[in-house]
Amino acid sequence: MKDLIHSLQHLVLEAFVASSSQKRIGCIVSQVKAFIGVGVCSLYLVEKGVIDCGYFSESGDGKLEAFLGTSVFHGGTLVGVIVVVQKFRRKFSQGDDSIRVNL
């Protein structure tokens, strides 16, 4: 639990001090990818009421076996969806799911 809290604090602090929105998004994506330990993490932003499929991460080729995603809200407004995927079958841990819930 301490690792989870520390990771979330680090993610928030690093995103907060980022110099631009693009860097802030990159920070969030890379931190979530590293903490959960997946091959791909993508953030899809809401554009005019729909999710914009231009995303901020590496694209993975081939069949994907594991998927975890959640809506991202800011001030009660939906701003996007963050998704993590993995090429091999795995069960995400409670800690992984806690990151999802707290985003």
PDB file of N, CA and C in Angstrom:
ATOM      1  N   MET A   1       0.822  -1.189   0.000  1.00  0.00           N
ATOM      2  CA  MET A   1       0.000   0.000   0.000  1.00  0.00           C
ATOM      3  C   MET A   1       0.873   1.263   0.000  1.00  0.00           C
ATOM      4  N   LYS A   2       1.991   1.216   0.740  1.00  0.00           N
ATOM      5  CA  LYS A   2       2.904   2.363   0.771  1.00  0.00           C
ATOM      6  C   LYS A   2       3.451   2.670  -0.615  1.00  0.00           C
ATOM      7  N   ASP A   3       3.803   1.597  -1.362  1.00  0.00           N
ATOM      8  CA  ASP A   3       4.319   1.790  -2.718  1.00  0.00           C
ATOM      9  C   ASP A   3       3.281   2.452  -3.614  1.00  0.00           C
ATOM     10  N   LEU A   4       2.034   2.046  -3.464  1.00  0.00           N
ATOM     11  CA  LEU A   4       0.952   2.622  -4.261  1.00  0.00           C
ATOM     12  C   LEU A   4       0.798   4.105  -3.960  1.00  0.00           C
ATOM     13  N   ILE A   5       0.762   4.466  -2.699  1.00  0.00           N
ATOM     14  CA  ILE A   5       0.617   5.867  -2.303  1.00  0.00           C
ATOM     15  C   ILE A   5       1.812   6.680  -2.781  1.00  0.00           C
ATOM     16  N   HIS A   6       2.998   6.143  -2.613  1.00  0.00           N
ATOM     17  CA  HIS A   6       4.208   6.831  -3.074  1.00  0.00           C
ATOM     18  C   HIS A   6       4.171   7.025  -4.590  1.00  0.00           C
ATOM     19  N   SER A   7       3.775   5.985  -5.330  1.00  0.00           N
ATOM     20  CA  SER A   7       3.709   6.076  -6.788  1.00  0.00           C
ATOM     21  C   SER A   7       2.695   7.124  -7.233  1.00  0.00           C
ATOM     22  N   LEU A   8       1.534   7.151  -6.599  1.00  0.00           N
ATOM     23  CA  LEU A   8       0.514   8.147  -6.947  1.00  0.00           C
ATOM     24  C   LEU A   8       0.986   9.561  -6.626  1.00  0.00           C
ATOM     25  N   GLN A   9       1.643   9.736  -5.476  1.00  0.00           N
ATOM     26  CA  GLN A   9       2.173  11.051  -5.119  1.00  0.00           C
ATOM     27  C   GLN A   9       3.219  11.506  -6.127  1.00  0.00           C
ATOM     28  N   HIS A  10       4.101  10.590  -6.531  1.00  0.00           N
ATOM     29  CA  HIS A  10       5.138  10.909  -7.503  1.00  0.00           C
ATOM     30  C   HIS A  10       4.514  11.285  -8.851  1.00  0.00           C
ATOM     31  N   LEU A  11       3.510  10.531  -9.272  1.00  0.00           N
ATOM     32  CA  LEU A  11       2.832  10.809 -10.533  1.00  0.00           C
ATOM     33  C   LEU A  11       2.202  12.199 -10.513  1.00  0.00           C
ATOM     34  N   VAL A  12       1.486  12.516  -9.448  1.00  0.00           N
ATOM     35  CA  VAL A  12       0.814  13.816  -9.339  1.00  0.00           C
ATOM     36  C   VAL A  12       1.825  14.949  -9.300  1.00  0.00           C
ATOM     37  N   LEU A  13       2.891  14.798  -8.530  1.00  0.00           N
ATOM     38  CA  LEU A  13       3.907  15.845  -8.418  1.00  0.00           C
ATOM     39  C   LEU A  13       4.604  16.069  -9.752  1.00  0.00           C
ATOM     40  N   GLU A  14       5.012  15.006 -10.411  1.00  0.00           N
ATOM     41  CA  GLU A  14       5.705  15.141 -11.692  1.00  0.00           C
ATOM     42  C   GLU A  14       4.788  15.763 -12.752  1.00  0.00           C
ATOM     43  N   ALA A  15       3.527  15.361 -12.769  1.00  0.00           N
ATOM     44  CA  ALA A  15       2.580  15.937 -13.732  1.00  0.00           C
ATOM     45  C   ALA A  15       2.327  17.412 -13.424  1.00  0.00           C
ATOM     46  N   PHE A  16       2.262  17.746 -12.152  1.00  0.00           N
ATOM     47  CA  PHE A  16       1.984  19.124 -11.738  1.00  0.00           C
ATOM     48  C   PHE A  16       3.078  20.090 -12.190  1.00  0.00           C
ATOM     49  N   VAL A  17       4.329  19.658 -12.134  1.00  0.00           N
ATOM     50  CA  VAL A  17       5.437  20.555 -12.475  1.00  0.00           C
ATOM     51  C   VAL A  17       5.807  20.517 -13.962  1.00  0.00           C
ATOM     52  N   ALA A  18       5.114  19.680 -14.738  1.00  0.00           N
ATOM     53  CA  ALA A  18       5.396  19.613 -16.176  1.00  0.00           C
ATOM     54  C   ALA A  18       5.114  20.969 -16.810  1.00  0.00           C
ATOM     55  N   SER A  19       5.934  21.327 -17.800  1.00  0.00           N
ATOM     56  CA  SER A  19       5.869  22.672 -18.380  1.00  0.00           C
ATOM     57  C   SER A  19       4.784  22.850 -19.441  1.00  0.00           C
ATOM     58  N   SER A  20       4.155  21.768 -19.874  1.00  0.00           N
ATOM     59  CA  SER A  20       3.095  21.884 -20.878  1.00  0.00           C
ATOM     60  C   SER A  20       2.104  20.742 -20.718  1.00  0.00           C
ATOM     61  N   SER A  21       0.950  20.890 -21.337  1.00  0.00           N
ATOM     62  CA  SER A  21      -0.055  19.824 -21.299  1.00  0.00           C
ATOM     63  C   SER A  21       0.472  18.547 -21.928  1.00  0.00           C
ATOM     64  N   GLN A  22       1.190  18.686 -23.029  1.00  0.00           N
ATOM     65  CA  GLN A  22       1.746  17.528 -23.723  1.00  0.00           C
ATOM     66  C   GLN A  22       2.725  16.780 -22.807  1.00  0.00           C
ATOM     67  N   LYS A  23       3.587  17.508 -22.108  1.00  0.00           N
ATOM     68  CA  LYS A  23       4.535  16.875 -21.184  1.00  0.00           C
ATOM     69  C   LYS A  23       3.807  16.267 -19.993  1.00  0.00           C
ATOM     70  N   ARG A  24       2.750  16.914 -19.521  1.00  0.00           N
ATOM     71  CA  ARG A  24       1.953  16.398 -18.401  1.00  0.00           C
ATOM     72  C   ARG A  24       1.328  15.051 -18.789  1.00  0.00           C
ATOM     73  N   ILE A  25       0.764  14.995 -19.993  1.00  0.00           N
ATOM     74  CA  ILE A  25       0.152  13.752 -20.472  1.00  0.00           C
ATOM     75  C   ILE A  25       1.214  12.666 -20.618  1.00  0.00           C
ATOM     76  N   GLY A  26       2.356  13.020 -21.199  1.00  0.00           N
ATOM     77  CA  GLY A  26       3.453  12.063 -21.341  1.00  0.00           C
ATOM     78  C   GLY A  26       3.916  11.520 -20.005  1.00  0.00           C
ATOM     79  N   CYS A  27       3.972  12.377 -19.020  1.00  0.00           N
ATOM     80  CA  CYS A  27       4.376  11.983 -17.666  1.00  0.00           C
ATOM     81  C   CYS A  27       3.389  10.975 -17.085  1.00  0.00           C
ATOM     82  N   ILE A  28       2.112  11.272 -17.191  1.00  0.00           N
ATOM     83  CA  ILE A  28       1.081  10.385 -16.646  1.00  0.00           C
ATOM     84  C   ILE A  28       1.152   9.022 -17.323  1.00  0.00           C
ATOM     85  N   VAL A  29       1.230   9.017 -18.653  1.00  0.00           N
ATOM     86  CA  VAL A  29       1.276   7.760 -19.403  1.00  0.00           C
ATOM     87  C   VAL A  29       2.512   6.936 -19.031  1.00  0.00           C
ATOM     88  N   SER A  30       3.673   7.567 -18.981  1.00  0.00           N
ATOM     89  CA  SER A  30       4.899   6.808 -18.683  1.00  0.00           C
ATOM     90  C   SER A  30       4.915   6.307 -17.241  1.00  0.00           C
ATOM     91  N   GLN A  31       4.407   7.091 -16.307  1.00  0.00           N
ATOM     92  CA  GLN A  31       4.374   6.665 -14.900  1.00  0.00           C
ATOM     93  C   GLN A  31       3.420   5.488 -14.697  1.00  0.00           C
ATOM     94  N   VAL A  32       2.238   5.559 -15.305  1.00  0.00           N
ATOM     95  CA  VAL A  32       1.273   4.465 -15.179  1.00  0.00           C
ATOM     96  C   VAL A  32       1.837   3.199 -15.824  1.00  0.00           C
ATOM     97  N   LYS A  33       2.435   3.336 -17.000  1.00  0.00           N
ATOM     98  CA  LYS A  33       3.030   2.196 -17.705  1.00  0.00           C
ATOM     99  C   LYS A  33       4.102   1.536 -16.834  1.00  0.00           C
ATOM    100  N   ALA A  34       4.969   2.342 -16.242  1.00  0.00           N
ATOM    101  CA  ALA A  34       6.048   1.809 -15.408  1.00  0.00           C
ATOM    102  C   ALA A  34       5.514   1.150 -14.143  1.00  0.00           C
ATOM    103  N   PHE A  35       4.570   1.781 -13.477  1.00  0.00           N
ATOM    104  CA  PHE A  35       4.071   1.238 -12.212  1.00  0.00           C
ATOM    105  C   PHE A  35       3.352  -0.092 -12.428  1.00  0.00           C
ATOM    106  N   ILE A  36       2.499  -0.157 -13.458  1.00  0.00           N
ATOM    107  CA  ILE A  36       1.737  -1.382 -13.698  1.00  0.00           C
ATOM    108  C   ILE A  36       2.591  -2.421 -14.417  1.00  0.00           C
ATOM    109  N   GLY A  37       3.618  -1.976 -15.124  1.00  0.00           N
ATOM    110  CA  GLY A  37       4.516  -2.908 -15.797  1.00  0.00           C
ATOM    111  C   GLY A  37       3.906  -3.522 -17.044  1.00  0.00           C
ATOM    112  N   VAL A  38       3.373  -2.665 -17.909  1.00  0.00           N
ATOM    113  CA  VAL A  38       2.758  -3.123 -19.152  1.00  0.00           C
ATOM    114  C   VAL A  38       3.559  -2.633 -20.351  1.00  0.00           C
ATOM    115  N   GLY A  39       3.260  -3.199 -21.511  1.00  0.00           N
ATOM    116  CA  GLY A  39       3.946  -2.817 -22.727  1.00  0.00           C
ATOM    117  C   GLY A  39       3.455  -1.510 -23.309  1.00  0.00           C
ATOM    118  N   VAL A  40       2.169  -1.231 -23.159  1.00  0.00           N
ATOM    119  CA  VAL A  40       1.590  -0.037 -23.778  1.00  0.00           C
ATOM    120  C   VAL A  40       0.616   0.621 -22.813  1.00  0.00           C
ATOM    121  N   CYS A  41       0.711   1.940 -22.718  1.00  0.00           N
ATOM    122  CA  CYS A  41      -0.256   2.753 -21.980  1.00  0.00           C
ATOM    123  C   CYS A  41      -0.651   3.894 -22.908  1.00  0.00           C
ATOM    124  N   SER A  42      -1.951   4.101 -23.086  1.00  0.00           N
ATOM    125  CA  SER A  42      -2.449   5.129 -23.988  1.00  0.00           C
ATOM    126  C   SER A  42      -3.460   6.000 -23.279  1.00  0.00           C
ATOM    127  N   LEU A  43      -3.447   7.283 -23.619  1.00  0.00           N
ATOM    128  CA  LEU A  43      -4.437   8.221 -23.097  1.00  0.00           C
ATOM    129  C   LEU A  43      -5.191   8.794 -24.286  1.00  0.00           C
ATOM    130  N   TYR A  44      -6.487   8.551 -24.306  1.00  0.00           N
ATOM    131  CA  TYR A  44      -7.356   9.056 -25.365  1.00  0.00           C
ATOM    132  C   TYR A  44      -8.129  10.236 -24.791  1.00  0.00           C
ATOM    133  N   LEU A  45      -8.050  11.386 -25.420  1.00  0.00           N
ATOM    134  CA  LEU A  45      -8.699  12.588 -24.912  1.00  0.00           C
ATOM    135  C   LEU A  45     -10.067  12.811 -25.550  1.00  0.00           C
ATOM    136  N   VAL A  46     -10.964  13.431 -24.783  1.00  0.00           N
ATOM    137  CA  VAL A  46     -12.283  13.780 -25.292  1.00  0.00           C
ATOM    138  C   VAL A  46     -12.144  15.024 -26.170  1.00  0.00           C
ATOM    139  N   GLU A  47     -12.650  14.933 -27.369  1.00  0.00           N
ATOM    140  CA  GLU A  47     -12.677  16.068 -28.298  1.00  0.00           C
ATOM    141  C   GLU A  47     -14.114  16.237 -28.775  1.00  0.00           C
ATOM    142  N   LYS A  48     -14.750  17.350 -28.404  1.00  0.00           N
ATOM    143  CA  LYS A  48     -16.123  17.648 -28.842  1.00  0.00           C
ATOM    144  C   LYS A  48     -17.077  16.510 -28.524  1.00  0.00           C
ATOM    145  N   GLY A  49     -16.942  15.938 -27.342  1.00  0.00           N
ATOM    146  CA  GLY A  49     -17.867  14.911 -26.880  1.00  0.00           C
ATOM    147  C   GLY A  49     -17.533  13.489 -27.312  1.00  0.00           C
ATOM    148  N   VAL A  50     -16.484  13.294 -28.087  1.00  0.00           N
ATOM    149  CA  VAL A  50     -16.086  11.931 -28.472  1.00  0.00           C
ATOM    150  C   VAL A  50     -14.632  11.709 -28.087  1.00  0.00           C
ATOM    151  N   ILE A  51     -14.281  10.463 -27.924  1.00  0.00           N
ATOM    152  CA  ILE A  51     -12.900  10.139 -27.575  1.00  0.00           C
ATOM    153  C   ILE A  51     -12.041  10.265 -28.827  1.00  0.00           C
ATOM    154  N   ASP A  52     -10.984  11.061 -28.744  1.00  0.00           N
ATOM    155  CA  ASP A  52     -10.058  11.282 -29.850  1.00  0.00           C
ATOM    156  C   ASP A  52      -9.100  10.099 -29.921  1.00  0.00           C
ATOM    157  N   CYS A  53      -9.064   9.456 -31.054  1.00  0.00           N
ATOM    158  CA  CYS A  53      -8.195   8.270 -31.199  1.00  0.00           C
ATOM    159  C   CYS A  53      -6.748   8.615 -31.486  1.00  0.00           C
ATOM    160  N   GLY A  54      -6.394   9.876 -31.539  1.00  0.00           N
ATOM    161  CA  GLY A  54      -4.989  10.241 -31.572  1.00  0.00           C
ATOM    162  C   GLY A  54      -4.496  10.121 -30.147  1.00  0.00           C
ATOM    163  N   TYR A  55      -3.585   9.195 -29.872  1.00  0.00           N
ATOM    164  CA  TYR A  55      -3.208   8.940 -28.495  1.00  0.00           C
ATOM    165  C   TYR A  55      -1.746   9.225 -28.244  1.00  0.00           C
ATOM    166  N   PHE A  56      -1.403   9.202 -26.977  1.00  0.00           N
ATOM    167  CA  PHE A  56      -0.087   9.606 -26.516  1.00  0.00           C
ATOM    168  C   PHE A  56       0.651   8.412 -25.917  1.00  0.00           C
ATOM    169  N   SER A  57       1.141   7.528 -26.751  1.00  0.00           N
ATOM    170  CA  SER A  57       1.940   6.409 -26.264  1.00  0.00           C
ATOM    171  C   SER A  57       2.516   5.664 -27.446  1.00  0.00           C
ATOM    172  N   GLU A  58       3.188   4.575 -27.148  1.00  0.00           N
ATOM    173  CA  GLU A  58       3.671   3.705 -28.196  1.00  0.00           C
ATOM    174  C   GLU A  58       2.485   2.884 -28.677  1.00  0.00           C
ATOM    175  N   SER A  59       2.456   2.562 -29.940  1.00  0.00           N
ATOM    176  CA  SER A  59       1.408   1.660 -30.409  1.00  0.00           C
ATOM    177  C   SER A  59       1.976   0.259 -30.419  1.00  0.00           C
ATOM    178  N   GLY A  60       1.195  -0.677 -29.981  1.00  0.00           N
ATOM    179  CA  GLY A  60       1.653  -2.060 -29.953  1.00  0.00           C
ATOM    180  C   GLY A  60       1.116  -2.820 -31.149  1.00  0.00           C
ATOM    181  N   ASP A  61       1.948  -3.623 -31.745  1.00  0.00           N
ATOM    182  CA  ASP A  61       1.529  -4.450 -32.860  1.00  0.00           C
ATOM    183  C   ASP A  61       1.242  -5.852 -32.355  1.00  0.00           C
ATOM    184  N   GLY A  62       0.365  -6.537 -33.017  1.00  0.00           N
ATOM    185  CA  GLY A  62       0.088  -7.925 -32.678  1.00  0.00           C
ATOM    186  C   GLY A  62      -1.097  -8.061 -31.746  1.00  0.00           C
ATOM    187  N   LYS A  63      -1.379  -9.298 -31.405  1.00  0.00           N
ATOM    188  CA  LYS A  63      -2.511  -9.634 -30.551  1.00  0.00           C
ATOM    189  C   LYS A  63      -2.229  -9.214 -29.110  1.00  0.00           C
ATOM    190  N   LEU A  64      -3.232  -8.603 -28.486  1.00  0.00           N
ATOM    191  CA  LEU A  64      -3.097  -8.180 -27.096  1.00  0.00           C
ATOM    192  C   LEU A  64      -3.943  -9.091 -26.214  1.00  0.00           C
ATOM    193  N   GLU A  65      -3.377  -9.544 -25.114  1.00  0.00           N
ATOM    194  CA  GLU A  65      -4.038 -10.518 -24.246  1.00  0.00           C
ATOM    195  C   GLU A  65      -4.600  -9.928 -22.955  1.00  0.00           C
ATOM    196  N   ALA A  66      -4.120  -8.765 -22.533  1.00  0.00           N
ATOM    197  CA  ALA A  66      -4.581  -8.184 -21.270  1.00  0.00           C
ATOM    198  C   ALA A  66      -4.931  -6.716 -21.491  1.00  0.00           C
ATOM    199  N   PHE A  67      -6.037  -6.274 -20.903  1.00  0.00           N
ATOM    200  CA  PHE A  67      -6.542  -4.922 -21.100  1.00  0.00           C
ATOM    201  C   PHE A  67      -7.103  -4.403 -19.789  1.00  0.00           C
ATOM    202  N   LEU A  68      -6.774  -3.151 -19.470  1.00  0.00           N
ATOM    203  CA  LEU A  68      -7.332  -2.484 -18.293  1.00  0.00           C
ATOM    204  C   LEU A  68      -7.505  -1.022 -18.662  1.00  0.00           C
ATOM    205  N   GLY A  69      -8.686  -0.485 -18.484  1.00  0.00           N
ATOM    206  CA  GLY A  69      -8.921   0.902 -18.858  1.00  0.00           C
ATOM    207  C   GLY A  69      -9.892   1.576 -17.914  1.00  0.00           C
ATOM    208  N   THR A  70      -9.840   2.899 -17.900  1.00  0.00           N
ATOM    209  CA  THR A  70     -10.753   3.666 -17.057  1.00  0.00           C
ATOM    210  C   THR A  70     -10.953   5.060 -17.617  1.00  0.00           C
ATOM    211  N   SER A  71     -12.077   5.627 -17.267  1.00  0.00           N
ATOM    212  CA  SER A  71     -12.356   7.018 -17.618  1.00  0.00           C
ATOM    213  C   SER A  71     -11.508   7.927 -16.743  1.00  0.00           C
ATOM    214  N   VAL A  72     -11.120   9.085 -17.294  1.00  0.00           N
ATOM    215  CA  VAL A  72     -10.343  10.069 -16.546  1.00  0.00           C
ATOM    216  C   VAL A  72     -11.209  11.327 -16.420  1.00  0.00           C
ATOM    217  N   PHE A  73     -11.446  11.732 -15.193  1.00  0.00           N
ATOM    218  CA  PHE A  73     -12.250  12.912 -14.917  1.00  0.00           C
ATOM    219  C   PHE A  73     -11.389  14.004 -14.295  1.00  0.00           C
ATOM    220  N   HIS A  74     -11.729  15.240 -14.577  1.00  0.00           N
ATOM    221  CA  HIS A  74     -11.101  16.389 -13.936  1.00  0.00           C
ATOM    222  C   HIS A  74     -12.211  17.361 -13.560  1.00  0.00           C
ATOM    223  N   GLY A  75     -12.358  17.602 -12.274  1.00  0.00           N
ATOM    224  CA  GLY A  75     -13.423  18.494 -11.811  1.00  0.00           C
ATOM    225  C   GLY A  75     -14.813  18.005 -12.175  1.00  0.00           C
ATOM    226  N   GLY A  76     -14.998  16.680 -12.192  1.00  0.00           N
ATOM    227  CA  GLY A  76     -16.295  16.105 -12.504  1.00  0.00           C
ATOM    228  C   GLY A  76     -16.611  16.013 -13.992  1.00  0.00           C
ATOM    229  N   THR A  77     -15.680  16.434 -14.841  1.00  0.00           N
ATOM    230  CA  THR A  77     -15.882  16.402 -16.286  1.00  0.00           C
ATOM    231  C   THR A  77     -15.005  15.321 -16.903  1.00  0.00           C
ATOM    232  N   LEU A  78     -15.595  14.506 -17.773  1.00  0.00           N
ATOM    233  CA  LEU A  78     -14.833  13.485 -18.475  1.00  0.00           C
ATOM    234  C   LEU A  78     -13.844  14.163 -19.409  1.00  0.00           C
ATOM    235  N   VAL A  79     -12.550  13.840 -19.257  1.00  0.00           N
ATOM    236  CA  VAL A  79     -11.523  14.429 -20.125  1.00  0.00           C
ATOM    237  C   VAL A  79     -10.867  13.386 -21.023  1.00  0.00           C
ATOM    238  N   GLY A  80     -11.062  12.100 -20.727  1.00  0.00           N
ATOM    239  CA  GLY A  80     -10.457  11.078 -21.557  1.00  0.00           C
ATOM    240  C   GLY A  80     -10.576   9.691 -20.973  1.00  0.00           C
ATOM    241  N   VAL A  81      -9.855   8.779 -21.594  1.00  0.00           N
ATOM    242  CA  VAL A  81      -9.803   7.390 -21.161  1.00  0.00           C
ATOM    243  C   VAL A  81      -8.343   6.961 -21.192  1.00  0.00           C
ATOM    244  N   ILE A  82      -7.898   6.318 -20.122  1.00  0.00           N
ATOM    245  CA  ILE A  82      -6.536   5.787 -20.101  1.00  0.00           C
ATOM    246  C   ILE A  82      -6.628   4.264 -20.142  1.00  0.00           C
ATOM    247  N   VAL A  83      -5.792   3.667 -20.986  1.00  0.00           N
ATOM    248  CA  VAL A  83      -5.845   2.233 -21.237  1.00  0.00           C
ATOM    249  C   VAL A  83      -4.432   1.661 -21.138  1.00  0.00           C
ATOM    250  N   VAL A  84      -4.310   0.503 -20.476  1.00  0.00           N
ATOM    251  CA  VAL A  84      -3.049  -0.235 -20.485  1.00  0.00           C
ATOM    252  C   VAL A  84      -3.319  -1.599 -21.101  1.00  0.00           C
ATOM    253  N   VAL A  85      -2.385  -2.054 -21.929  1.00  0.00           N
ATOM    254  CA  VAL A  85      -2.523  -3.357 -22.584  1.00  0.00           C
ATOM    255  C   VAL A  85      -1.205  -4.110 -22.520  1.00  0.00           C
ATOM    256  N   GLN A  86      -1.311  -5.411 -22.624  1.00  0.00           N
ATOM    257  CA  GLN A  86      -0.139  -6.271 -22.561  1.00  0.00           C
ATOM    258  C   GLN A  86      -0.287  -7.365 -23.616  1.00  0.00           C
ATOM    259  N   LYS A  87       0.815  -7.765 -24.222  1.00  0.00           N
ATOM    260  CA  LYS A  87       0.776  -8.791 -25.267  1.00  0.00           C
ATOM    261  C   LYS A  87       0.637 -10.203 -24.721  1.00  0.00           C
ATOM    262  N   PHE A  88       0.925 -10.401 -23.435  1.00  0.00           N
ATOM    263  CA  PHE A  88       0.770 -11.739 -22.877  1.00  0.00           C
ATOM    264  C   PHE A  88      -0.333 -11.726 -21.823  1.00  0.00           C
ATOM    265  N   ARG A  89      -0.929 -12.888 -21.628  1.00  0.00           N
ATOM    266  CA  ARG A  89      -2.039 -13.034 -20.682  1.00  0.00           C
ATOM    267  C   ARG A  89      -1.529 -12.783 -19.260  1.00  0.00           C
ATOM    268  N   ARG A  90      -2.284 -11.986 -18.535  1.00  0.00           N
ATOM    269  CA  ARG A  90      -1.950 -11.740 -17.134  1.00  0.00           C
ATOM    270  C   ARG A  90      -3.192 -11.291 -16.403  1.00  0.00           C
ATOM    271  N   LYS A  91      -3.159 -11.444 -15.098  1.00  0.00           N
ATOM    272  CA  LYS A  91      -4.235 -10.952 -14.251  1.00  0.00           C
ATOM    273  C   LYS A  91      -3.689  -9.717 -13.549  1.00  0.00           C
ATOM    274  N   PHE A  92      -4.377  -8.596 -13.709  1.00  0.00           N
ATOM    275  CA  PHE A  92      -3.928  -7.381 -13.049  1.00  0.00           C
ATOM    276  C   PHE A  92      -4.165  -7.490 -11.556  1.00  0.00           C
ATOM    277  N   SER A  93      -3.225  -6.948 -10.783  1.00  0.00           N
ATOM    278  CA  SER A  93      -3.293  -7.043  -9.319  1.00  0.00           C
ATOM    279  C   SER A  93      -4.241  -6.001  -8.746  1.00  0.00           C
ATOM    280  N   GLN A  94      -4.502  -6.133  -7.467  1.00  0.00           N
ATOM    281  CA  GLN A  94      -5.324  -5.141  -6.771  1.00  0.00           C
ATOM    282  C   GLN A  94      -4.648  -3.763  -6.796  1.00  0.00           C
ATOM    283  N   GLY A  95      -3.325  -3.747  -6.693  1.00  0.00           N
ATOM    284  CA  GLY A  95      -2.573  -2.498  -6.780  1.00  0.00           C
ATOM    285  C   GLY A  95      -2.714  -1.845  -8.149  1.00  0.00           C
ATOM    286  N   ASP A  96      -2.674  -2.660  -9.216  1.00  0.00           N
ATOM    287  CA  ASP A  96      -2.880  -2.132 -10.564  1.00  0.00           C
ATOM    288  C   ASP A  96      -4.256  -1.502 -10.672  1.00  0.00           C
ATOM    289  N   ASP A  97      -5.255  -2.184 -10.133  1.00  0.00           N
ATOM    290  CA  ASP A  97      -6.620  -1.683 -10.190  1.00  0.00           C
ATOM    291  C   ASP A  97      -6.762  -0.429  -9.334  1.00  0.00           C
ATOM    292  N   SER A  98      -6.004  -0.331  -8.255  1.00  0.00           N
ATOM    293  CA  SER A  98      -6.054   0.865  -7.404  1.00  0.00           C
ATOM    294  C   SER A  98      -5.547   2.098  -8.160  1.00  0.00           C
ATOM    295  N   ILE A  99      -4.515   1.910  -8.983  1.00  0.00           N
ATOM    296  CA  ILE A  99      -4.042   3.020  -9.820  1.00  0.00           C
ATOM    297  C   ILE A  99      -5.168   3.479 -10.734  1.00  0.00           C
ATOM    298  N   ARG A 100      -5.846   2.513 -11.352  1.00  0.00           N
ATOM    299  CA  ARG A 100      -6.955   2.815 -12.249  1.00  0.00           C
ATOM    300  C   ARG A 100      -8.041   3.614 -11.527  1.00  0.00           C
ATOM    301  N   VAL A 101      -8.426   3.164 -10.356  1.00  0.00           N
ATOM    302  CA  VAL A 101      -9.495   3.809  -9.594  1.00  0.00           C
ATOM    303  C   VAL A 101      -9.099   5.226  -9.176  1.00  0.00           C
ATOM    304  N   ASN A 102      -7.842   5.415  -8.800  1.00  0.00           N
ATOM    305  CA  ASN A 102      -7.410   6.717  -8.286  1.00  0.00           C
ATOM    306  C   ASN A 102      -7.089   7.742  -9.367  1.00  0.00           C
ATOM    307  N   LEU A 103      -6.952   7.303 -10.597  1.00  0.00           N
ATOM    308  CA  LEU A 103      -6.737   8.261 -11.673  1.00  0.00           C
ATOM    309  C   LEU A 103      -7.988   9.071 -11.891  1.00  0.00           C
TER     310      LEU A 103
END
